N, C-alpha and C. Protein backbone atom coordinates (compact mmCIF):
# COMPACT_ATOMS: atom_id res chain seq x y z
N UNK A 1 7.99 -7.06 -25.29
CA UNK A 1 7.77 -7.63 -24.35
C UNK A 1 8.98 -8.13 -23.22
N UNK A 2 8.56 -7.58 -22.46
CA UNK A 2 9.75 -7.86 -21.36
C UNK A 2 9.45 -8.95 -19.90
N UNK A 3 10.26 -10.14 -20.30
CA UNK A 3 9.78 -11.36 -19.66
C UNK A 3 10.77 -11.36 -18.19
N UNK A 4 9.67 -11.32 -17.36
CA UNK A 4 9.72 -11.59 -16.15
C UNK A 4 10.74 -12.85 -15.51
N UNK A 5 12.19 -12.07 -15.24
CA UNK A 5 13.59 -13.27 -15.24
C UNK A 5 13.85 -13.14 -13.89
N UNK A 6 13.28 -13.75 -12.52
CA UNK A 6 13.81 -13.45 -11.49
C UNK A 6 14.65 -13.21 -10.85
N UNK A 7 15.36 -12.93 -9.71
CA UNK A 7 16.85 -12.74 -9.56
C UNK A 7 17.03 -14.05 -8.93
N UNK A 8 18.47 -14.35 -8.97
CA UNK A 8 19.29 -15.33 -8.23
C UNK A 8 18.42 -15.14 -6.84
N UNK A 9 18.86 -16.37 -5.99
CA UNK A 9 18.22 -15.76 -4.38
C UNK A 9 19.14 -15.60 -3.83
N UNK A 10 19.02 -14.94 -2.76
CA UNK A 10 20.51 -14.63 -1.45
C UNK A 10 21.22 -15.87 -1.14
N UNK A 11 22.71 -15.64 -1.84
CA UNK A 11 23.18 -17.32 -0.22
C UNK A 11 23.50 -17.08 0.71
N UNK A 12 23.34 -16.05 1.13
CA UNK A 12 23.73 -15.44 3.31
C UNK A 12 22.29 -15.84 3.16
N UNK A 13 21.90 -16.18 4.42
CA UNK A 13 20.58 -16.06 5.04
C UNK A 13 20.30 -14.69 6.54
N UNK A 14 20.09 -13.94 6.41
CA UNK A 14 20.04 -12.79 7.79
C UNK A 14 19.84 -14.22 8.75
N UNK A 15 20.76 -14.20 9.95
CA UNK A 15 20.56 -15.38 10.95
C UNK A 15 19.60 -15.14 12.06
N UNK A 16 18.67 -13.95 11.64
CA UNK A 16 17.57 -13.83 12.64
C UNK A 16 16.36 -14.48 12.25
N UNK A 17 16.68 -14.63 11.01
CA UNK A 17 15.10 -15.53 9.67
C UNK A 17 15.47 -16.56 9.89
N UNK A 18 14.69 -17.85 9.62
CA UNK A 18 14.50 -18.86 9.55
C UNK A 18 15.29 -19.00 8.41
N UNK A 19 15.65 -20.37 8.95
CA UNK A 19 16.05 -20.97 7.58
C UNK A 19 15.83 -21.63 6.62
N UNK A 20 15.47 -20.48 5.20
CA UNK A 20 15.08 -21.01 3.98
C UNK A 20 14.23 -20.56 3.76
N UNK A 21 13.58 -18.86 5.08
CA UNK A 21 12.28 -18.64 4.98
C UNK A 21 12.97 -17.39 3.55
N UNK A 22 14.04 -16.78 3.60
CA UNK A 22 13.82 -15.58 2.46
C UNK A 22 14.33 -16.44 0.99
N UNK A 23 15.01 -17.53 0.82
CA UNK A 23 14.80 -18.09 0.17
C UNK A 23 13.42 -18.90 -0.31
N UNK A 24 12.43 -19.32 -0.05
CA UNK A 24 10.99 -19.58 -0.27
C UNK A 24 10.48 -18.21 -0.67
N UNK A 25 10.56 -17.14 0.54
CA UNK A 25 9.65 -15.91 -0.02
C UNK A 25 10.18 -15.13 -1.60
N UNK A 26 11.38 -15.36 -1.47
CA UNK A 26 11.84 -14.76 -3.26
C UNK A 26 11.77 -15.75 -3.97
N UNK A 27 11.18 -17.08 -3.98
CA UNK A 27 10.67 -17.89 -4.76
C UNK A 27 9.01 -17.82 -5.13
N UNK A 28 8.36 -17.77 -4.25
CA UNK A 28 6.81 -17.69 -4.03
C UNK A 28 6.69 -16.03 -4.72
N UNK A 29 7.75 -14.82 -4.40
CA UNK A 29 7.72 -13.39 -5.39
C UNK A 29 7.78 -13.28 -6.70
N UNK A 30 9.31 -14.72 -7.32
CA UNK A 30 9.28 -14.65 -8.41
C UNK A 30 8.14 -16.05 -9.49
N UNK A 31 7.50 -16.20 -8.51
CA UNK A 31 6.30 -16.78 -9.66
C UNK A 31 4.92 -15.99 -9.40
N UNK A 32 4.62 -15.52 -8.54
CA UNK A 32 3.90 -14.46 -8.55
C UNK A 32 4.38 -14.10 -9.61
N UNK A 33 5.30 -12.78 -9.67
CA UNK A 33 5.97 -11.49 -10.51
C UNK A 33 5.46 -12.42 -11.79
N UNK A 34 6.19 -13.79 -11.84
CA UNK A 34 6.25 -13.89 -13.93
C UNK A 34 4.13 -14.82 -13.41
N UNK A 35 3.22 -15.06 -13.19
CA UNK A 35 2.42 -15.11 -13.47
C UNK A 35 1.80 -13.76 -13.98
N UNK A 36 1.94 -12.68 -13.49
CA UNK A 36 1.26 -11.26 -12.99
C UNK A 36 1.36 -10.98 -14.39
N UNK A 37 2.70 -10.89 -14.74
CA UNK A 37 3.16 -10.62 -16.10
C UNK A 37 2.92 -11.42 -17.77
N UNK A 38 2.39 -12.73 -17.07
CA UNK A 38 2.16 -13.67 -18.19
C UNK A 38 -0.02 -13.58 -18.12
N UNK A 39 -0.44 -13.49 -17.25
CA UNK A 39 -1.52 -12.96 -17.05
C UNK A 39 -1.66 -10.43 -18.16
N UNK A 40 -1.07 -10.24 -17.60
CA UNK A 40 -0.31 -9.06 -18.48
C UNK A 40 -1.43 -9.16 -20.03
N UNK A 41 0.02 -10.47 -19.94
CA UNK A 41 0.31 -10.03 -21.65
C UNK A 41 -1.23 -10.96 -22.10
N UNK A 42 -2.20 -11.81 -21.61
CA UNK A 42 -2.97 -12.53 -21.61
C UNK A 42 -4.16 -11.80 -22.16
N UNK A 43 -3.88 -10.92 -21.09
CA UNK A 43 -5.63 -9.64 -20.85
C UNK A 43 -5.05 -9.74 -22.75
N UNK A 44 -4.98 -9.16 -23.07
CA UNK A 44 -4.60 -8.27 -24.35
C UNK A 44 -4.34 -9.21 -25.52
N UNK A 45 -3.51 -10.35 -25.52
CA UNK A 45 -3.64 -11.18 -26.42
C UNK A 45 -5.25 -11.81 -27.13
N UNK A 46 -5.41 -12.69 -25.69
CA UNK A 46 -6.54 -13.44 -25.95
C UNK A 46 -7.96 -12.70 -25.42
N UNK A 47 -8.62 -12.75 -26.57
CA UNK A 47 -10.28 -12.53 -26.08
C UNK A 47 -11.20 -13.42 -25.30
N UNK A 48 -10.75 -14.41 -25.06
CA UNK A 48 -10.92 -15.32 -24.63
C UNK A 48 -10.36 -15.58 -23.30
N UNK A 49 -9.92 -14.82 -22.98
CA UNK A 49 -8.71 -15.02 -21.49
C UNK A 49 -9.93 -14.92 -19.99
N UNK A 50 -9.48 -16.38 -19.60
CA UNK A 50 -10.47 -16.69 -18.53
C UNK A 50 -10.36 -15.74 -17.23
N UNK A 51 -10.43 -14.18 -16.75
CA UNK A 51 -10.03 -14.04 -15.96
C UNK A 51 -10.43 -14.44 -14.01
N UNK A 52 -11.79 -15.68 -14.56
CA UNK A 52 -12.25 -16.38 -12.60
C UNK A 52 -11.34 -17.62 -12.34
N UNK A 53 -9.97 -18.07 -13.79
CA UNK A 53 -9.01 -19.33 -13.31
C UNK A 53 -8.19 -17.87 -12.86
N UNK A 54 -7.49 -17.23 -13.64
CA UNK A 54 -7.00 -16.38 -12.96
C UNK A 54 -6.98 -16.12 -11.52
N UNK A 55 -7.43 -15.54 -11.42
CA UNK A 55 -8.18 -14.25 -10.39
C UNK A 55 -7.82 -15.46 -8.71
N UNK A 56 -8.04 -17.04 -9.43
CA UNK A 56 -8.68 -18.65 -9.29
C UNK A 56 -6.96 -18.83 -8.64
N UNK A 57 -6.36 -18.40 -9.34
CA UNK A 57 -4.14 -19.08 -9.78
C UNK A 57 -3.67 -17.65 -9.35
N UNK A 58 -4.12 -16.04 -9.36
CA UNK A 58 -3.02 -15.40 -8.44
C UNK A 58 -3.80 -15.33 -6.81
N UNK A 59 -5.36 -15.78 -6.10
CA UNK A 59 -5.75 -15.73 -4.94
C UNK A 59 -4.30 -16.87 -3.94
N UNK A 60 -4.13 -18.33 -5.21
CA UNK A 60 -2.94 -19.50 -4.65
C UNK A 60 -2.25 -19.04 -4.31
N UNK A 61 -1.42 -17.99 -4.74
CA UNK A 61 0.24 -17.42 -4.94
C UNK A 61 0.06 -16.39 -3.95
N UNK A 62 -1.23 -15.83 -3.53
CA UNK A 62 -1.05 -14.62 -3.05
C UNK A 62 -1.24 -15.19 -1.42
N UNK A 63 -1.33 -16.40 -1.32
CA UNK A 63 -1.95 -17.23 -0.07
C UNK A 63 -0.47 -17.67 -0.29
N UNK A 64 -0.48 -18.51 -0.75
CA UNK A 64 1.29 -18.77 -0.60
C UNK A 64 2.07 -17.62 -0.42
N UNK A 65 1.98 -16.51 -0.90
CA UNK A 65 2.98 -15.45 -0.03
C UNK A 65 2.93 -15.08 1.22
N UNK A 66 1.50 -15.02 1.38
CA UNK A 66 1.06 -14.44 3.14
C UNK A 66 2.02 -15.41 3.66
N UNK A 67 1.71 -16.60 3.42
CA UNK A 67 2.00 -18.21 4.48
C UNK A 67 3.54 -18.26 4.77
N UNK A 68 4.90 -17.70 3.87
CA UNK A 68 5.70 -17.76 3.54
C UNK A 68 6.40 -16.45 4.31
N UNK A 69 5.85 -15.34 4.17
CA UNK A 69 6.52 -14.30 4.99
C UNK A 69 6.23 -13.77 6.32
N UNK A 70 5.49 -15.27 6.56
CA UNK A 70 4.68 -15.34 8.11
C UNK A 70 5.87 -15.36 9.11
N UNK A 71 6.12 -14.18 9.99
CA UNK A 71 6.89 -14.25 10.51
C UNK A 71 8.76 -13.82 10.22
N UNK A 72 8.72 -13.11 9.29
CA UNK A 72 9.28 -12.44 8.32
C UNK A 72 9.93 -11.07 9.32
N UNK A 73 11.26 -11.22 9.25
CA UNK A 73 11.27 -9.58 9.93
C UNK A 73 11.74 -8.78 8.41
N UNK A 74 10.48 -7.81 7.91
CA UNK A 74 11.43 -7.07 6.80
C UNK A 74 11.76 -5.92 7.05
N UNK A 75 12.46 -5.77 7.78
CA UNK A 75 13.69 -4.83 7.92
C UNK A 75 14.74 -5.73 7.66
N UNK A 76 15.04 -6.88 7.83
CA UNK A 76 16.20 -7.69 7.31
C UNK A 76 16.35 -7.93 6.61
N UNK A 77 15.45 -8.49 5.68
CA UNK A 77 14.83 -8.88 3.67
C UNK A 77 16.56 -8.32 3.40
N UNK A 78 16.84 -9.73 2.87
CA UNK A 78 17.62 -9.52 1.91
C UNK A 78 17.94 -8.88 0.68
N UNK A 79 18.24 -7.76 -0.43
CA UNK A 79 18.85 -7.35 -1.17
C UNK A 79 18.08 -7.72 -2.06
N UNK A 80 18.17 -9.45 -2.43
CA UNK A 80 17.45 -10.42 -3.73
C UNK A 80 16.59 -10.32 -3.40
N UNK A 81 15.53 -10.62 -2.47
CA UNK A 81 14.32 -10.50 -2.29
C UNK A 81 13.89 -8.89 -2.17
N UNK A 82 14.65 -7.72 -1.32
CA UNK A 82 14.27 -6.87 -2.19
C UNK A 82 14.08 -6.47 -3.53
N UNK A 83 15.17 -6.53 -4.22
CA UNK A 83 15.58 -6.67 -5.48
C UNK A 83 13.78 -6.91 -6.47
N UNK A 84 13.52 -8.07 -5.80
CA UNK A 84 12.18 -9.76 -6.54
C UNK A 84 11.28 -8.35 -6.23
N UNK A 85 10.72 -8.35 -5.31
CA UNK A 85 9.68 -6.82 -4.64
C UNK A 85 10.06 -6.22 -5.65
N UNK A 86 10.75 -5.13 -5.52
CA UNK A 86 10.67 -4.10 -7.07
C UNK A 86 9.77 -4.10 -7.99
N UNK A 87 10.53 -5.79 -8.59
CA UNK A 87 10.19 -6.34 -9.93
C UNK A 87 8.35 -6.73 -9.63
N UNK A 88 8.03 -6.89 -8.94
CA UNK A 88 6.69 -7.39 -8.29
C UNK A 88 6.07 -6.23 -8.52
N UNK A 89 6.29 -5.32 -8.34
CA UNK A 89 5.00 -4.13 -8.06
C UNK A 89 5.63 -3.32 -9.40
N UNK A 90 6.74 -2.91 -9.80
CA UNK A 90 6.49 -3.07 -11.32
C UNK A 90 5.63 -4.10 -12.12
N UNK A 91 5.75 -5.31 -12.20
CA UNK A 91 4.51 -5.86 -12.33
C UNK A 91 3.66 -6.00 -12.63
N UNK A 92 2.99 -5.86 -11.22
CA UNK A 92 2.21 -5.43 -10.89
C UNK A 92 0.95 -4.04 -11.10
N UNK A 93 1.85 -3.12 -11.27
CA UNK A 93 1.58 -1.57 -11.86
C UNK A 93 1.50 -2.14 -13.51
N UNK A 94 1.05 -2.85 -14.50
CA UNK A 94 1.40 -2.97 -16.00
C UNK A 94 0.22 -3.17 -15.76
N UNK A 95 -0.05 -4.64 -14.70
CA UNK A 95 -1.32 -5.82 -14.74
C UNK A 95 -2.19 -4.75 -14.18
N UNK A 96 -1.96 -4.18 -13.58
CA UNK A 96 -3.28 -2.62 -13.07
C UNK A 96 -4.03 -2.15 -14.11
N UNK A 97 -2.87 -1.40 -15.25
CA UNK A 97 -3.00 -1.51 -15.65
C UNK A 97 -3.62 -1.55 -17.23
N UNK A 98 -3.32 -2.59 -17.40
CA UNK A 98 -4.42 -3.36 -18.51
C UNK A 98 -5.70 -3.61 -18.05
N UNK A 99 -5.47 -4.36 -16.48
CA UNK A 99 -7.57 -4.22 -16.39
C UNK A 99 -7.95 -3.57 -16.27
N UNK A 100 -7.31 -2.03 -15.98
CA UNK A 100 -7.90 -0.83 -15.79
C UNK A 100 -8.69 -0.50 -17.21
N UNK A 101 -7.32 -1.04 -18.15
CA UNK A 101 -8.36 -0.62 -19.89
C UNK A 101 -9.59 -1.24 -19.87
N UNK A 102 -9.11 -3.05 -19.93
CA UNK A 102 -10.21 -3.85 -20.08
C UNK A 102 -11.45 -3.32 -19.34
N UNK A 103 -11.41 -3.50 -17.79
CA UNK A 103 -12.77 -2.94 -17.01
C UNK A 103 -13.80 -1.74 -18.36
N UNK A 104 -12.39 -0.72 -18.26
CA UNK A 104 -13.04 1.04 -19.28
C UNK A 104 -14.00 0.09 -20.52
N UNK A 105 -12.98 -0.28 -20.91
CA UNK A 105 -13.50 -1.28 -22.40
C UNK A 105 -15.07 -1.62 -22.43
N UNK A 106 -15.15 -3.20 -21.54
CA UNK A 106 -16.41 -3.32 -21.28
C UNK A 106 -17.64 -2.28 -20.24
N UNK A 107 -17.05 -2.07 -19.56
CA UNK A 107 -17.71 -0.24 -19.20
C UNK A 107 -18.21 0.08 -20.36
N UNK A 108 -17.48 0.51 -21.60
CA UNK A 108 -17.98 1.73 -22.69
C UNK A 108 -19.13 0.60 -23.32
N UNK A 109 -18.68 -0.60 -23.51
CA UNK A 109 -19.47 -1.75 -24.84
C UNK A 109 -20.66 -1.39 -24.01
N UNK A 110 -21.06 -1.66 -22.46
CA UNK A 110 -22.02 -2.13 -21.74
C UNK A 110 -22.85 -1.00 -21.38
N UNK A 111 -22.16 0.28 -22.10
CA UNK A 111 -23.31 1.79 -21.95
C UNK A 111 -23.51 1.80 -23.12
N UNK A 112 -23.21 1.38 -23.97
CA UNK A 112 -23.68 1.52 -25.36
C UNK A 112 -25.05 0.55 -25.95
N UNK A 113 -24.79 -0.89 -24.93
CA UNK A 113 -25.84 -1.48 -25.39
C UNK A 113 -27.11 -0.73 -24.77
N UNK A 114 -26.89 -0.53 -22.97
CA UNK A 114 -28.17 -0.08 -22.20
C UNK A 114 -28.30 1.08 -23.22
N UNK A 115 -27.66 1.64 -23.48
CA UNK A 115 -28.93 2.55 -24.49
C UNK A 115 -28.96 2.42 -25.83
N UNK A 116 -28.72 0.85 -26.73
CA UNK A 116 -29.28 1.16 -27.47
C UNK A 116 -31.21 0.46 -27.07
N UNK A 117 -31.29 -0.19 -26.21
CA UNK A 117 -31.99 -0.97 -25.22
C UNK A 117 -33.31 0.38 -24.88
N UNK A 118 -32.68 1.42 -24.33
CA UNK A 118 -33.41 2.25 -23.89
C UNK A 118 -34.54 2.78 -25.19
N UNK A 119 -33.21 2.81 -26.65
CA UNK A 119 -33.73 3.54 -27.13
C UNK A 119 -34.42 2.69 -28.01
N UNK A 120 -34.34 1.73 -28.33
CA UNK A 120 -35.69 0.99 -28.48
C UNK A 120 -37.37 0.73 -27.91
N UNK A 121 -36.87 1.05 -26.45
CA UNK A 121 -37.99 0.76 -25.42
C UNK A 121 -38.99 2.74 -25.83
N UNK A 122 -38.33 3.71 -26.10
CA UNK A 122 -38.29 4.93 -26.28
C UNK A 122 -39.42 5.22 -27.56
N UNK A 123 -38.76 4.13 -28.59
CA UNK A 123 -39.60 4.32 -29.81
C UNK A 123 -41.09 4.54 -29.97
N UNK A 124 -41.92 4.75 -28.48
CA UNK A 124 -43.40 5.18 -28.62
C UNK A 124 -43.76 3.38 -29.04
N UNK A 125 -43.36 2.32 -29.26
CA UNK A 125 -44.47 0.70 -29.47
C UNK A 125 -44.84 1.10 -28.46
N UNK A 126 -44.24 1.09 -26.92
CA UNK A 126 -44.74 1.26 -25.98
C UNK A 126 -44.90 1.54 -24.99
N UNK A 127 -45.41 2.83 -25.38
CA UNK A 127 -45.48 4.07 -24.04
C UNK A 127 -46.53 3.27 -23.53
N UNK A 128 -47.55 4.28 -21.78
CA UNK A 128 -48.25 4.17 -21.40
C UNK A 128 -49.25 4.62 -21.75
N UNK A 129 -49.66 3.61 -21.15
CA UNK A 129 -51.67 3.91 -21.28
C UNK A 129 -52.02 4.51 -20.29
N UNK A 130 -52.61 5.75 -20.30
CA UNK A 130 -53.76 6.23 -19.24
C UNK A 130 -55.27 5.36 -19.18
């Protein structure tokens, strides 16, 4: 288990950015990364994982990320922010793989249930009457 540990925010702010914008962006990216990693672990370990609540929290964090990045010149981001984005990208890739595996398992169980119900109906008990 890898714990998401954010890199230290940049000390020098690019003069083209608003003061504190990169620091704020760094903080939001780190919070989102930590949440994504926690969600990834919980999907596997918690049989009663609440996808709805998790989705709502992710939406709020993505909204914060959107707000923090408004007016940001992405071509001039500090290296610490770029490093944090790279770490977030890796955390999101693992999260996506875990969610896809979960959905595949749900689909498989659903298909089994549908086949059981079809077989129950196909036993001739309720056949068509002419």
